[in-house]
Each structure stands twice: as C-alpha cells, then as structure tokens.
Amino acid sequence: MEIVNDLFALLDELMANPQAAELGFAIMLGLAAFTLMMALVLLAVGLADPLRSRLQRLEPEDNGKGGGSAVLRLFAPVGAYLMPSDREARSRTALRLRHAGIRSATALRAFYGAKLALGVLLPGMTLAVILPFFRLELGATVLFAASAALAGYLLPTFWLERAIRRRVLALRRGLADALDLLVVCSEAGLGLAQGIQRVAEDLEISHPELSDELLLFNMQTRAGMDNREALRDLEERTGVEDIRALVTTLLQSMRFGTSIAATLRIFAAELRDKRTQEAEERAAKVSTKMLFPLVFCVFPSFFVVALGPPLLGAMEALSGL
C-alpha cells in the first residue's frame, strides 16, 4: 500500500510541473511504441524462423476445431516466451484446451502466445486511438494502458472458459440421443465399439461435438488401444459429469461381465429422470427470478398507467377547492 501511495505522490508531483509531465508523457509514449515494435519483431521472427516452420509442418494435425487453424499458427511462435515452467500448470491448461475441443499440438503455445500478444498489442492500440483525440493526464494514460494490458492478458482465459461451457452444454444435450441409439445398437447385437461408431455416424449432423468425440474413441480402439483406456480418455478430454458417470458404469459392467445393453438402458432411464428433475428445478426457480423484473420494471409502469389519471383528477379537484 505504501508503494501505491508513493507512486501516486510521484504522479502528483509530476502533474504539478508541466515540463516534467510532458517529459513523462513522452517517455511513456516512447515505451509504448518500443514495446509494440518489439512485439511485432518477435512475432515476425517467430513466424519466419525456418526451424519452427519445419517443426510445425512435421507435427500431426488433428481433425476438428483445433487442427491447423491460422490463429494457432500465428500465435504459437510467441507462446514459448510466456509458457510456465511448472509442468502441472501446463498440464492443467492443456486439459482445459481439450475440454474446449482444441486438440492441436500447438494449442498450448498458441494460447500463451495469444495472452502475450494481446497483453502487449492492446495497450498500444488503445493509446494510438485515444491519444490523438483526447488530452489525458499522465495518470489517466497509465491507467488506460495498464487496464488494456490486463484485459488483453485475461481475454484468452475468458474466451477459453466460455468455449468450455458451450461445448459441455452441447455434449450434454446430445448424450441422451446417443444413449438411446446405443441401446438400440447393443440390443441389435453390435459390440460396444461398433455401436459407438454407428451412433457417431448418425449424430454427425445433429450433434457434431459428441460425434467428433465418439469418432475419436473409435479411431483409438482401431489403433489398438484397449476399450477401457479409450473410455477413460473420453472421460478425461470431455470433462462432462454425465459422460464420466457413463464411463464408470460401462467400466463396472465390463469388470463384472454384465450385459452392456441392460446397463445402457438403465443408465439412459436414470439420465432421463435426471434431466426431468433439472427441468423441474429450473421451472421452480422462474417465479423467484421473475419477482425482481415485476417489482422494478412492470409494477411502476402499471401504477403510472392505472393511478396516474385518478391522481391528476384528484389534484385538479383539490386545487379548485
């Protein structure tokens, strides 16, 4: 706190002296321009590095949203300067990217590269837009630049959390239909892998996110991965509670040798009951949520329309008396 007070005292002294204020403003503008130029140089050097380009061409590209996009190729060379040295932190971020459906090998570097690039470029763009049109004090300029840098640094994190929520919701919506189709395929005599492949093909248009995950499970089993390991990987990369419960149920059914068709039918019924209970819970909350709009938005307008003319007439009559 003392450091902040000393900083504000220094800024007040600079603002009291016009020449010092102009000098400080010129220094801040020069630092912003230098930082912007350094960021552009680092970005250009990273993109033009032949070794990096060669390694990126040799890396396998994934199918889906994460593979080979221009945004990943743009920010990936810069991400090496901001990636944390802690392996656990990198693993957590990589897992969050997988939950969002981004499975490219360069996704982690591109994520940190976007944080660094936006944290540097956004303050420079903000100052370039504000300074020619507004005369701001030095403290306000520093505050705007720091706020823009913080917003640029946090913007990729907010985008990632929003993408995860949207993908989890899409996977949850398609799971009930997938279970119904999988029960039919299992009762028709298909195995687990063959049934999942057929369900993935049928859901490719209606639920593309879930179809993509099921197709990846099928490719893993075809490559020689055990069904149990492929199911655990499906549970890990989706991060959906319902899929985690489904994987646990299937693993227990495989372990004890029970019928997979009967297990899927029971789980589908439980999932349907759970979705019904969630819908009833949301419906029960509607009356409470509608209380505040009614009290603060609807009732004042109703009172004005209903009681306004009588009150005006009463005031006019009282004024006549």
C-alpha atoms as a PDB file:
ATOM      1  CA  MET A   1       0.000   0.000   0.000  1.00  0.00           C
ATOM      2  CA  GLU A   2       2.882   2.354   0.760  1.00  0.00           C
ATOM      3  CA  ILE A   3       4.309   1.716  -2.690  1.00  0.00           C
ATOM      4  CA  VAL A   4       0.998   2.703  -4.276  1.00  0.00           C
ATOM      5  CA  ASN A   5       0.820   5.881  -2.177  1.00  0.00           C
ATOM      6  CA  ASP A   6       4.396   6.780  -3.135  1.00  0.00           C
ATOM      7  CA  LEU A   7       3.554   6.196  -6.777  1.00  0.00           C
ATOM      8  CA  PHE A   8       0.513   8.470  -6.614  1.00  0.00           C
ATOM      9  CA  ALA A   9       2.563  11.111  -4.785  1.00  0.00           C
ATOM     10  CA  LEU A  10       5.179  10.959  -7.546  1.00  0.00           C
ATOM     11  CA  LEU A  11       2.465  11.336 -10.156  1.00  0.00           C
ATOM     12  CA  ASP A  12       1.038  14.363  -8.340  1.00  0.00           C
ATOM     13  CA  GLU A  13       4.484  15.979  -8.294  1.00  0.00           C
ATOM     14  CA  LEU A  14       4.906  15.321 -11.993  1.00  0.00           C
ATOM     15  CA  MET A  15       1.493  16.799 -12.766  1.00  0.00           C
ATOM     16  CA  ALA A  16       2.343  19.917 -10.749  1.00  0.00           C
ATOM     17  CA  ASN A  17       5.341  20.548 -13.023  1.00  0.00           C
ATOM     18  CA  PRO A  18       4.180  20.915 -16.674  1.00  0.00           C
ATOM     19  CA  GLN A  19       7.632  20.265 -18.111  1.00  0.00           C
ATOM     20  CA  ALA A  20       8.057  17.072 -16.060  1.00  0.00           C
ATOM     21  CA  ALA A  21       4.575  15.961 -17.072  1.00  0.00           C
ATOM     22  CA  GLU A  22       5.372  16.460 -20.764  1.00  0.00           C
ATOM     23  CA  LEU A  23       8.641  14.592 -20.336  1.00  0.00           C
ATOM     24  CA  GLY A  24       6.933  11.692 -18.542  1.00  0.00           C
ATOM     25  CA  PHE A  25       4.239  11.562 -21.200  1.00  0.00           C
ATOM     26  CA  ALA A  26       6.856  11.435 -23.943  1.00  0.00           C
ATOM     27  CA  ILE A  27       8.712   8.673 -22.104  1.00  0.00           C
ATOM     28  CA  MET A  28       5.512   6.615 -21.690  1.00  0.00           C
ATOM     29  CA  LEU A  29       4.616   7.092 -25.351  1.00  0.00           C
ATOM     30  CA  GLY A  30       8.133   6.070 -26.375  1.00  0.00           C
ATOM     31  CA  LEU A  31       7.976   2.951 -24.179  1.00  0.00           C
ATOM     32  CA  ALA A  32       4.606   2.019 -25.634  1.00  0.00           C
ATOM     33  CA  ALA A  33       5.896   2.420 -29.184  1.00  0.00           C
ATOM     34  CA  PHE A  34       9.081   0.480 -28.358  1.00  0.00           C
ATOM     35  CA  THR A  35       7.072  -2.356 -26.773  1.00  0.00           C
ATOM     36  CA  LEU A  36       4.763  -2.501 -29.760  1.00  0.00           C
ATOM     37  CA  MET A  37       7.700  -2.639 -32.166  1.00  0.00           C
ATOM     38  CA  MET A  38       9.421  -5.360 -30.118  1.00  0.00           C
ATOM     39  CA  ALA A  39       6.231  -7.428 -30.091  1.00  0.00           C
ATOM     40  CA  LEU A  40       5.915  -7.104 -33.863  1.00  0.00           C
ATOM     41  CA  VAL A  41       9.587  -8.009 -34.320  1.00  0.00           C
ATOM     42  CA  LEU A  42       9.281 -11.085 -32.082  1.00  0.00           C
ATOM     43  CA  LEU A  43       6.139 -12.148 -33.912  1.00  0.00           C
ATOM     44  CA  ALA A  44       7.804 -11.698 -37.306  1.00  0.00           C
ATOM     45  CA  VAL A  45      10.949 -13.534 -36.202  1.00  0.00           C
ATOM     46  CA  GLY A  46       8.934 -16.401 -34.770  1.00  0.00           C
ATOM     47  CA  LEU A  47       6.856 -16.750 -37.907  1.00  0.00           C
ATOM     48  CA  ALA A  48       9.867 -16.512 -40.206  1.00  0.00           C
ATOM     49  CA  ASP A  49      12.027 -18.977 -38.286  1.00  0.00           C
ATOM     50  CA  PRO A  50      12.688 -21.868 -40.725  1.00  0.00           C
ATOM     51  CA  LEU A  51      13.252 -24.384 -37.923  1.00  0.00           C
ATOM     52  CA  ARG A  52       9.901 -23.590 -36.312  1.00  0.00           C
ATOM     53  CA  SER A  53       8.155 -23.733 -39.681  1.00  0.00           C
ATOM     54  CA  ARG A  54       9.732 -27.111 -40.387  1.00  0.00           C
ATOM     55  CA  LEU A  55       8.706 -28.499 -36.999  1.00  0.00           C
ATOM     56  CA  GLN A  56       5.157 -27.211 -37.398  1.00  0.00           C
ATOM     57  CA  ARG A  57       4.849 -28.900 -40.789  1.00  0.00           C
ATOM     58  CA  LEU A  58       6.081 -32.169 -39.301  1.00  0.00           C
ATOM     59  CA  GLU A  59       3.614 -32.057 -36.386  1.00  0.00           C
ATOM     60  CA  PRO A  60       0.451 -34.125 -36.913  1.00  0.00           C
ATOM     61  CA  GLU A  61      -2.710 -32.139 -37.459  1.00  0.00           C
ATOM     62  CA  ASP A  62      -5.902 -33.063 -35.672  1.00  0.00           C
ATOM     63  CA  ASN A  63      -9.340 -33.233 -37.123  1.00  0.00           C
ATOM     64  CA  GLY A  64     -11.858 -30.841 -35.667  1.00  0.00           C
ATOM     65  CA  LYS A  65     -11.670 -27.295 -34.432  1.00  0.00           C
ATOM     66  CA  GLY A  66      -8.122 -27.393 -33.193  1.00  0.00           C
ATOM     67  CA  GLY A  67      -6.208 -28.609 -36.210  1.00  0.00           C
ATOM     68  CA  GLY A  68      -4.167 -26.382 -38.473  1.00  0.00           C
ATOM     69  CA  SER A  69      -6.010 -23.113 -37.952  1.00  0.00           C
ATOM     70  CA  ALA A  70      -4.370 -19.860 -38.977  1.00  0.00           C
ATOM     71  CA  VAL A  71      -4.803 -18.417 -35.481  1.00  0.00           C
ATOM     72  CA  LEU A  72      -2.782 -21.234 -33.927  1.00  0.00           C
ATOM     73  CA  ARG A  73      -0.002 -20.838 -36.478  1.00  0.00           C
ATOM     74  CA  LEU A  74       0.032 -17.086 -35.830  1.00  0.00           C
ATOM     75  CA  PHE A  75       0.344 -17.114 -32.041  1.00  0.00           C
ATOM     76  CA  ALA A  76       2.214 -20.378 -31.473  1.00  0.00           C
ATOM     77  CA  PRO A  77       5.750 -18.957 -32.082  1.00  0.00           C
ATOM     78  CA  VAL A  78       5.194 -16.244 -29.453  1.00  0.00           C
ATOM     79  CA  GLY A  79       3.838 -18.597 -26.793  1.00  0.00           C
ATOM     80  CA  ALA A  80       7.234 -20.092 -25.952  1.00  0.00           C
ATOM     81  CA  TYR A  81       8.189 -16.836 -24.173  1.00  0.00           C
ATOM     82  CA  LEU A  82       5.251 -16.982 -21.722  1.00  0.00           C
ATOM     83  CA  MET A  83       4.732 -20.700 -21.104  1.00  0.00           C
ATOM     84  CA  PRO A  84       5.125 -21.537 -17.388  1.00  0.00           C
ATOM     85  CA  SER A  85       7.967 -23.768 -16.345  1.00  0.00           C
ATOM     86  CA  ASP A  86       5.725 -25.718 -13.975  1.00  0.00           C
ATOM     87  CA  ARG A  87       4.600 -28.930 -15.668  1.00  0.00           C
ATOM     88  CA  GLU A  88       1.403 -29.132 -13.627  1.00  0.00           C
ATOM     89  CA  ALA A  89       0.317 -25.671 -14.748  1.00  0.00           C
ATOM     90  CA  ARG A  90       0.924 -26.595 -18.374  1.00  0.00           C
ATOM     91  CA  SER A  91      -0.980 -29.859 -17.917  1.00  0.00           C
ATOM     92  CA  ARG A  92      -3.977 -28.059 -16.412  1.00  0.00           C
ATOM     93  CA  THR A  93      -4.093 -25.570 -19.259  1.00  0.00           C
ATOM     94  CA  ALA A  94      -3.715 -28.309 -21.862  1.00  0.00           C
ATOM     95  CA  LEU A  95      -6.573 -30.225 -20.234  1.00  0.00           C
ATOM     96  CA  ARG A  96      -8.780 -27.123 -20.328  1.00  0.00           C
ATOM     97  CA  LEU A  97      -7.974 -26.735 -24.022  1.00  0.00           C
ATOM     98  CA  ARG A  98      -9.000 -30.354 -24.594  1.00  0.00           C
ATOM     99  CA  HIS A  99     -12.265 -29.679 -22.759  1.00  0.00           C
ATOM    100  CA  ALA A 100     -12.875 -26.875 -25.253  1.00  0.00           C
ATOM    101  CA  GLY A 101     -12.307 -29.293 -28.151  1.00  0.00           C
ATOM    102  CA  ILE A 102      -8.871 -27.906 -29.126  1.00  0.00           C
ATOM    103  CA  ARG A 103      -6.511 -30.843 -29.517  1.00  0.00           C
ATOM    104  CA  SER A 104      -3.777 -29.437 -31.727  1.00  0.00           C
ATOM    105  CA  ALA A 105      -0.169 -29.999 -30.715  1.00  0.00           C
ATOM    106  CA  THR A 106       0.469 -26.236 -30.917  1.00  0.00           C
ATOM    107  CA  ALA A 107      -2.671 -25.231 -28.998  1.00  0.00           C
ATOM    108  CA  LEU A 108      -0.880 -24.706 -25.679  1.00  0.00           C
ATOM    109  CA  ARG A 109       1.817 -22.467 -27.191  1.00  0.00           C
ATOM    110  CA  ALA A 110      -0.812 -20.581 -29.186  1.00  0.00           C
ATOM    111  CA  PHE A 111      -2.870 -19.941 -26.033  1.00  0.00           C
ATOM    112  CA  TYR A 112       0.046 -18.395 -24.145  1.00  0.00           C
ATOM    113  CA  GLY A 113       1.138 -16.600 -27.308  1.00  0.00           C
ATOM    114  CA  ALA A 114      -2.301 -15.005 -27.583  1.00  0.00           C
ATOM    115  CA  LYS A 115      -2.079 -13.851 -23.956  1.00  0.00           C
ATOM    116  CA  LEU A 116       1.323 -12.265 -24.576  1.00  0.00           C
ATOM    117  CA  ALA A 117       0.410 -10.701 -27.914  1.00  0.00           C
ATOM    118  CA  LEU A 118      -2.891  -9.245 -26.702  1.00  0.00           C
ATOM    119  CA  GLY A 119      -1.299  -8.047 -23.468  1.00  0.00           C
ATOM    120  CA  VAL A 120       1.247  -6.054 -25.495  1.00  0.00           C
ATOM    121  CA  LEU A 121      -0.690  -5.045 -28.606  1.00  0.00           C
ATOM    122  CA  LEU A 122      -3.930  -3.973 -26.935  1.00  0.00           C
ATOM    123  CA  PRO A 123      -2.335  -1.159 -24.846  1.00  0.00           C
ATOM    124  CA  GLY A 124      -0.514   0.134 -27.909  1.00  0.00           C
ATOM    125  CA  MET A 125      -3.712   0.129 -29.959  1.00  0.00           C
ATOM    126  CA  THR A 126      -5.619   1.790 -27.098  1.00  0.00           C
ATOM    127  CA  LEU A 127      -3.056   4.585 -26.783  1.00  0.00           C
ATOM    128  CA  ALA A 128      -2.934   5.021 -30.563  1.00  0.00           C
ATOM    129  CA  VAL A 129      -6.707   5.502 -30.660  1.00  0.00           C
ATOM    130  CA  ILE A 130      -7.155   7.635 -27.524  1.00  0.00           C
ATOM    131  CA  LEU A 131      -4.164   9.987 -27.563  1.00  0.00           C
ATOM    132  CA  PRO A 132      -4.802  11.756 -30.908  1.00  0.00           C
ATOM    133  CA  PHE A 133      -8.372  12.677 -29.895  1.00  0.00           C
ATOM    134  CA  PHE A 134      -8.256  13.196 -26.125  1.00  0.00           C
ATOM    135  CA  ARG A 135      -5.943  15.206 -23.899  1.00  0.00           C
ATOM    136  CA  LEU A 136      -5.420  12.952 -20.918  1.00  0.00           C
ATOM    137  CA  GLU A 137      -3.268  13.390 -17.881  1.00  0.00           C
ATOM    138  CA  LEU A 138      -0.294  11.135 -17.305  1.00  0.00           C
ATOM    139  CA  GLY A 139      -2.014   9.148 -14.548  1.00  0.00           C
ATOM    140  CA  ALA A 140      -5.088   8.541 -16.699  1.00  0.00           C
ATOM    141  CA  THR A 141      -2.889   7.460 -19.616  1.00  0.00           C
ATOM    142  CA  VAL A 142      -1.004   4.973 -17.443  1.00  0.00           C
ATOM    143  CA  LEU A 143      -4.289   3.683 -16.033  1.00  0.00           C
ATOM    144  CA  PHE A 144      -5.759   3.180 -19.519  1.00  0.00           C
ATOM    145  CA  ALA A 145      -2.625   1.369 -20.718  1.00  0.00           C
ATOM    146  CA  ALA A 146      -2.481  -0.894 -17.646  1.00  0.00           C
ATOM    147  CA  SER A 147      -6.193  -1.702 -17.913  1.00  0.00           C
ATOM    148  CA  ALA A 148      -5.830  -2.544 -21.612  1.00  0.00           C
ATOM    149  CA  ALA A 149      -2.803  -4.764 -20.891  1.00  0.00           C
ATOM    150  CA  LEU A 150      -4.662  -6.609 -18.137  1.00  0.00           C
ATOM    151  CA  ALA A 151      -7.737  -7.032 -20.339  1.00  0.00           C
ATOM    152  CA  GLY A 152      -5.631  -8.355 -23.216  1.00  0.00           C
ATOM    153  CA  TYR A 153      -3.865 -10.806 -20.921  1.00  0.00           C
ATOM    154  CA  LEU A 154      -7.129 -12.137 -19.436  1.00  0.00           C
ATOM    155  CA  LEU A 155      -9.154 -12.157 -22.658  1.00  0.00           C
ATOM    156  CA  PRO A 156      -7.938 -15.611 -23.879  1.00  0.00           C
ATOM    157  CA  THR A 157      -8.796 -17.112 -20.473  1.00  0.00           C
ATOM    158  CA  PHE A 158     -12.326 -15.721 -20.603  1.00  0.00           C
ATOM    159  CA  TRP A 159     -12.725 -16.995 -24.168  1.00  0.00           C
ATOM    160  CA  LEU A 160     -11.498 -20.452 -23.153  1.00  0.00           C
ATOM    161  CA  GLU A 161     -13.940 -20.691 -20.233  1.00  0.00           C
ATOM    162  CA  ARG A 162     -16.807 -19.620 -22.480  1.00  0.00           C
ATOM    163  CA  ALA A 163     -15.830 -22.191 -25.131  1.00  0.00           C
ATOM    164  CA  ILE A 164     -15.680 -24.922 -22.466  1.00  0.00           C
ATOM    165  CA  ARG A 165     -19.164 -24.066 -21.157  1.00  0.00           C
ATOM    166  CA  ARG A 166     -20.602 -24.018 -24.668  1.00  0.00           C
ATOM    167  CA  ARG A 167     -19.034 -27.358 -25.575  1.00  0.00           C
ATOM    168  CA  VAL A 168     -20.061 -29.044 -22.299  1.00  0.00           C
ATOM    169  CA  LEU A 169     -23.634 -27.895 -22.875  1.00  0.00           C
ATOM    170  CA  ALA A 170     -23.580 -29.257 -26.437  1.00  0.00           C
ATOM    171  CA  LEU A 171     -22.221 -32.613 -25.257  1.00  0.00           C
ATOM    172  CA  ARG A 172     -24.842 -32.885 -22.516  1.00  0.00           C
ATOM    173  CA  ARG A 173     -27.645 -32.136 -24.943  1.00  0.00           C
ATOM    174  CA  GLY A 174     -26.560 -34.851 -27.363  1.00  0.00           C
ATOM    175  CA  LEU A 175     -25.829 -37.548 -24.777  1.00  0.00           C
ATOM    176  CA  ALA A 176     -29.470 -38.624 -24.291  1.00  0.00           C
ATOM    177  CA  ASP A 177     -29.989 -39.221 -28.027  1.00  0.00           C
ATOM    178  CA  ALA A 178     -26.656 -41.027 -28.244  1.00  0.00           C
ATOM    179  CA  LEU A 179     -27.609 -43.336 -25.377  1.00  0.00           C
ATOM    180  CA  ASP A 180     -30.948 -44.215 -26.955  1.00  0.00           C
ATOM    181  CA  LEU A 181     -29.250 -45.073 -30.256  1.00  0.00           C
ATOM    182  CA  LEU A 182     -26.509 -47.011 -28.457  1.00  0.00           C
ATOM    183  CA  VAL A 183     -29.108 -49.094 -26.584  1.00  0.00           C
ATOM    184  CA  VAL A 184     -30.766 -49.987 -29.900  1.00  0.00           C
ATOM    185  CA  CYS A 185     -27.411 -50.912 -31.451  1.00  0.00           C
ATOM    186  CA  SER A 186     -26.436 -53.042 -28.429  1.00  0.00           C
ATOM    187  CA  GLU A 187     -29.746 -54.891 -28.401  1.00  0.00           C
ATOM    188  CA  ALA A 188     -29.370 -55.495 -32.154  1.00  0.00           C
ATOM    189  CA  GLY A 189     -26.163 -57.458 -31.489  1.00  0.00           C
ATOM    190  CA  LEU A 190     -23.441 -54.898 -32.165  1.00  0.00           C
ATOM    191  CA  GLY A 191     -20.439 -54.638 -29.867  1.00  0.00           C
ATOM    192  CA  LEU A 192     -19.526 -51.521 -27.937  1.00  0.00           C
ATOM    193  CA  ALA A 193     -17.026 -50.198 -30.487  1.00  0.00           C
ATOM    194  CA  GLN A 194     -19.245 -50.971 -33.477  1.00  0.00           C
ATOM    195  CA  GLY A 195     -22.270 -49.446 -31.765  1.00  0.00           C
ATOM    196  CA  ILE A 196     -20.368 -46.262 -30.881  1.00  0.00           C
ATOM    197  CA  GLN A 197     -19.171 -45.977 -34.490  1.00  0.00           C
ATOM    198  CA  ARG A 198     -22.722 -46.276 -35.802  1.00  0.00           C
ATOM    199  CA  VAL A 199     -24.019 -43.748 -33.275  1.00  0.00           C
ATOM    200  CA  ALA A 200     -21.221 -41.303 -34.164  1.00  0.00           C
ATOM    201  CA  GLU A 201     -22.142 -41.539 -37.848  1.00  0.00           C
ATOM    202  CA  ASP A 202     -25.836 -40.925 -37.101  1.00  0.00           C
ATOM    203  CA  LEU A 203     -25.143 -37.924 -34.849  1.00  0.00           C
ATOM    204  CA  GLU A 204     -22.706 -36.207 -37.200  1.00  0.00           C
ATOM    205  CA  ILE A 205     -25.261 -33.581 -38.279  1.00  0.00           C
ATOM    206  CA  SER A 206     -27.467 -33.160 -35.211  1.00  0.00           C
ATOM    207  CA  HIS A 207     -24.716 -33.248 -32.555  1.00  0.00           C
ATOM    208  CA  PRO A 208     -21.308 -32.742 -34.240  1.00  0.00           C
ATOM    209  CA  GLU A 209     -19.359 -32.219 -30.979  1.00  0.00           C
ATOM    210  CA  LEU A 210     -20.427 -35.534 -29.470  1.00  0.00           C
ATOM    211  CA  SER A 211     -19.996 -37.278 -32.826  1.00  0.00           C
ATOM    212  CA  ASP A 212     -16.424 -35.990 -33.017  1.00  0.00           C
ATOM    213  CA  GLU A 213     -15.610 -37.380 -29.560  1.00  0.00           C
ATOM    214  CA  LEU A 214     -17.150 -40.770 -30.348  1.00  0.00           C
ATOM    215  CA  LEU A 215     -15.315 -40.971 -33.662  1.00  0.00           C
ATOM    216  CA  LEU A 216     -12.054 -40.255 -31.846  1.00  0.00           C
ATOM    217  CA  PHE A 217     -12.857 -43.080 -29.411  1.00  0.00           C
ATOM    218  CA  ASN A 218     -13.447 -45.401 -32.363  1.00  0.00           C
ATOM    219  CA  MET A 219     -10.153 -44.406 -34.004  1.00  0.00           C
ATOM    220  CA  GLN A 220      -8.301 -45.072 -30.751  1.00  0.00           C
ATOM    221  CA  THR A 221      -9.762 -48.571 -30.466  1.00  0.00           C
ATOM    222  CA  ARG A 222      -8.930 -49.265 -34.110  1.00  0.00           C
ATOM    223  CA  ALA A 223      -5.337 -48.189 -33.469  1.00  0.00           C
ATOM    224  CA  GLY A 224      -5.034 -50.879 -30.800  1.00  0.00           C
ATOM    225  CA  MET A 225      -5.988 -49.030 -27.613  1.00  0.00           C
ATOM    226  CA  ASP A 226      -7.977 -51.022 -25.104  1.00  0.00           C
ATOM    227  CA  ASN A 227     -11.654 -50.118 -24.692  1.00  0.00           C
ATOM    228  CA  ARG A 228     -11.141 -49.263 -21.032  1.00  0.00           C
ATOM    229  CA  GLU A 229      -8.269 -46.902 -21.750  1.00  0.00           C
ATOM    230  CA  ALA A 230     -10.202 -45.288 -24.607  1.00  0.00           C
ATOM    231  CA  LEU A 231     -13.205 -44.779 -22.323  1.00  0.00           C
ATOM    232  CA  ARG A 232     -11.013 -43.199 -19.650  1.00  0.00           C
ATOM    233  CA  ASP A 233      -9.504 -40.868 -22.253  1.00  0.00           C
ATOM    234  CA  LEU A 234     -13.025 -39.957 -23.426  1.00  0.00           C
ATOM    235  CA  GLU A 235     -13.948 -39.111 -19.839  1.00  0.00           C
ATOM    236  CA  GLU A 236     -10.813 -37.008 -19.349  1.00  0.00           C
ATOM    237  CA  ARG A 237     -10.935 -34.961 -22.539  1.00  0.00           C
ATOM    238  CA  THR A 238     -14.650 -34.103 -22.350  1.00  0.00           C
ATOM    239  CA  GLY A 239     -14.916 -33.111 -18.694  1.00  0.00           C
ATOM    240  CA  VAL A 240     -18.693 -33.718 -18.628  1.00  0.00           C
ATOM    241  CA  GLU A 241     -20.155 -35.184 -15.453  1.00  0.00           C
ATOM    242  CA  ASP A 242     -22.753 -37.289 -17.299  1.00  0.00           C
ATOM    243  CA  ILE A 243     -20.106 -38.811 -19.578  1.00  0.00           C
ATOM    244  CA  ARG A 244     -17.928 -39.508 -16.524  1.00  0.00           C
ATOM    245  CA  ALA A 245     -20.847 -41.401 -14.920  1.00  0.00           C
ATOM    246  CA  LEU A 246     -21.473 -43.287 -18.160  1.00  0.00           C
ATOM    247  CA  VAL A 247     -17.826 -44.336 -18.422  1.00  0.00           C
ATOM    248  CA  THR A 248     -17.830 -45.505 -14.807  1.00  0.00           C
ATOM    249  CA  THR A 249     -20.975 -47.562 -15.437  1.00  0.00           C
ATOM    250  CA  LEU A 250     -19.535 -49.168 -18.575  1.00  0.00           C
ATOM    251  CA  LEU A 251     -16.251 -49.995 -16.845  1.00  0.00           C
ATOM    252  CA  GLN A 252     -18.114 -51.675 -13.994  1.00  0.00           C
ATOM    253  CA  SER A 253     -20.213 -53.611 -16.494  1.00  0.00           C
ATOM    254  CA  MET A 254     -17.072 -54.820 -18.283  1.00  0.00           C
ATOM    255  CA  ARG A 255     -15.438 -55.743 -14.993  1.00  0.00           C
ATOM    256  CA  PHE A 256     -18.327 -57.834 -13.660  1.00  0.00           C
ATOM    257  CA  GLY A 257     -19.414 -59.250 -17.027  1.00  0.00           C
ATOM    258  CA  THR A 258     -22.975 -57.924 -17.029  1.00  0.00           C
ATOM    259  CA  SER A 259     -24.949 -57.109 -20.157  1.00  0.00           C
ATOM    260  CA  ILE A 260     -23.895 -53.802 -21.705  1.00  0.00           C
ATOM    261  CA  ALA A 261     -27.314 -53.356 -23.333  1.00  0.00           C
ATOM    262  CA  ALA A 262     -29.119 -53.685 -19.985  1.00  0.00           C
ATOM    263  CA  THR A 263     -26.597 -51.380 -18.333  1.00  0.00           C
ATOM    264  CA  LEU A 264     -27.053 -48.728 -21.014  1.00  0.00           C
ATOM    265  CA  ARG A 265     -30.846 -48.984 -20.794  1.00  0.00           C
ATOM    266  CA  ILE A 266     -30.783 -48.452 -17.020  1.00  0.00           C
ATOM    267  CA  PHE A 267     -28.344 -45.544 -17.316  1.00  0.00           C
ATOM    268  CA  ALA A 268     -30.453 -43.966 -20.084  1.00  0.00           C
ATOM    269  CA  ALA A 269     -33.524 -44.113 -17.854  1.00  0.00           C
ATOM    270  CA  GLU A 270     -31.606 -42.573 -14.943  1.00  0.00           C
ATOM    271  CA  LEU A 271     -30.227 -39.837 -17.203  1.00  0.00           C
ATOM    272  CA  ARG A 272     -33.724 -39.084 -18.494  1.00  0.00           C
ATOM    273  CA  ASP A 273     -35.017 -38.808 -14.911  1.00  0.00           C
ATOM    274  CA  LYS A 274     -32.102 -36.541 -14.020  1.00  0.00           C
ATOM    275  CA  ARG A 275     -32.817 -34.240 -16.968  1.00  0.00           C
ATOM    276  CA  THR A 276     -36.509 -34.130 -15.965  1.00  0.00           C
ATOM    277  CA  GLN A 277     -35.569 -33.167 -12.408  1.00  0.00           C
ATOM    278  CA  GLU A 278     -33.245 -30.434 -13.665  1.00  0.00           C
ATOM    279  CA  ALA A 279     -36.042 -29.062 -15.875  1.00  0.00           C
ATOM    280  CA  GLU A 280     -38.464 -29.073 -12.934  1.00  0.00           C
ATOM    281  CA  GLU A 281     -35.882 -27.324 -10.749  1.00  0.00           C
ATOM    282  CA  ARG A 282     -35.371 -24.598 -13.329  1.00  0.00           C
ATOM    283  CA  ALA A 283     -39.122 -24.207 -13.732  1.00  0.00           C
ATOM    284  CA  ALA A 284     -39.485 -23.820  -9.965  1.00  0.00           C
ATOM    285  CA  LYS A 285     -36.907 -21.016  -9.980  1.00  0.00           C
ATOM    286  CA  VAL A 286     -38.762 -18.997 -12.623  1.00  0.00           C
ATOM    287  CA  SER A 287     -41.232 -17.451 -10.173  1.00  0.00           C
ATOM    288  CA  THR A 288     -38.427 -16.231  -7.920  1.00  0.00           C
ATOM    289  CA  LYS A 289     -36.397 -14.874 -10.818  1.00  0.00           C
ATOM    290  CA  MET A 290     -39.451 -13.040 -12.220  1.00  0.00           C
ATOM    291  CA  LEU A 291     -40.030 -11.237  -8.907  1.00  0.00           C
ATOM    292  CA  PHE A 292     -37.364  -8.571  -9.433  1.00  0.00           C
ATOM    293  CA  PRO A 293     -38.380  -7.623 -13.034  1.00  0.00           C
ATOM    294  CA  LEU A 294     -42.019  -7.436 -11.938  1.00  0.00           C
ATOM    295  CA  VAL A 295     -41.297  -5.245  -8.907  1.00  0.00           C
ATOM    296  CA  PHE A 296     -38.779  -2.885 -10.542  1.00  0.00           C
ATOM    297  CA  CYS A 297     -39.971  -2.807 -14.189  1.00  0.00           C
ATOM    298  CA  VAL A 298     -43.607  -3.883 -14.620  1.00  0.00           C
ATOM    299  CA  PHE A 299     -45.300  -2.615 -11.456  1.00  0.00           C
ATOM    300  CA  PRO A 300     -44.045   1.020 -11.705  1.00  0.00           C
ATOM    301  CA  SER A 301     -45.339   1.297 -15.269  1.00  0.00           C
ATOM    302  CA  PHE A 302     -48.653  -0.310 -14.264  1.00  0.00           C
ATOM    303  CA  PHE A 303     -49.079   2.084 -11.351  1.00  0.00           C
ATOM    304  CA  VAL A 304     -48.348   5.087 -13.562  1.00  0.00           C
ATOM    305  CA  VAL A 305     -50.927   3.983 -16.147  1.00  0.00           C
ATOM    306  CA  ALA A 306     -53.569   2.857 -13.650  1.00  0.00           C
ATOM    307  CA  LEU A 307     -53.230   5.504 -10.939  1.00  0.00           C
ATOM    308  CA  GLY A 308     -51.902   8.418 -12.978  1.00  0.00           C
ATOM    309  CA  PRO A 309     -55.244   9.790 -14.338  1.00  0.00           C
ATOM    310  CA  PRO A 310     -57.126   9.485 -10.987  1.00  0.00           C
ATOM    311  CA  LEU A 311     -54.293  11.231  -9.153  1.00  0.00           C
ATOM    312  CA  LEU A 312     -54.226  14.038 -11.719  1.00  0.00           C
ATOM    313  CA  GLY A 313     -58.013  14.423 -11.424  1.00  0.00           C
ATOM    314  CA  ALA A 314     -57.829  14.486  -7.637  1.00  0.00           C
ATOM    315  CA  MET A 315     -55.051  17.076  -7.695  1.00  0.00           C
ATOM    316  CA  GLU A 316     -57.073  19.239 -10.102  1.00  0.00           C
ATOM    317  CA  ALA A 317     -60.173  18.984  -7.910  1.00  0.00           C
ATOM    318  CA  LEU A 318     -58.238  19.843  -4.759  1.00  0.00           C
ATOM    319  CA  SER A 319     -56.643  22.793  -6.480  1.00  0.00           C
ATOM    320  CA  GLY A 320     -60.122  24.075  -7.424  1.00  0.00           C
ATOM    321  CA  LEU A 321     -61.299  23.863  -3.828  1.00  0.00           C
END
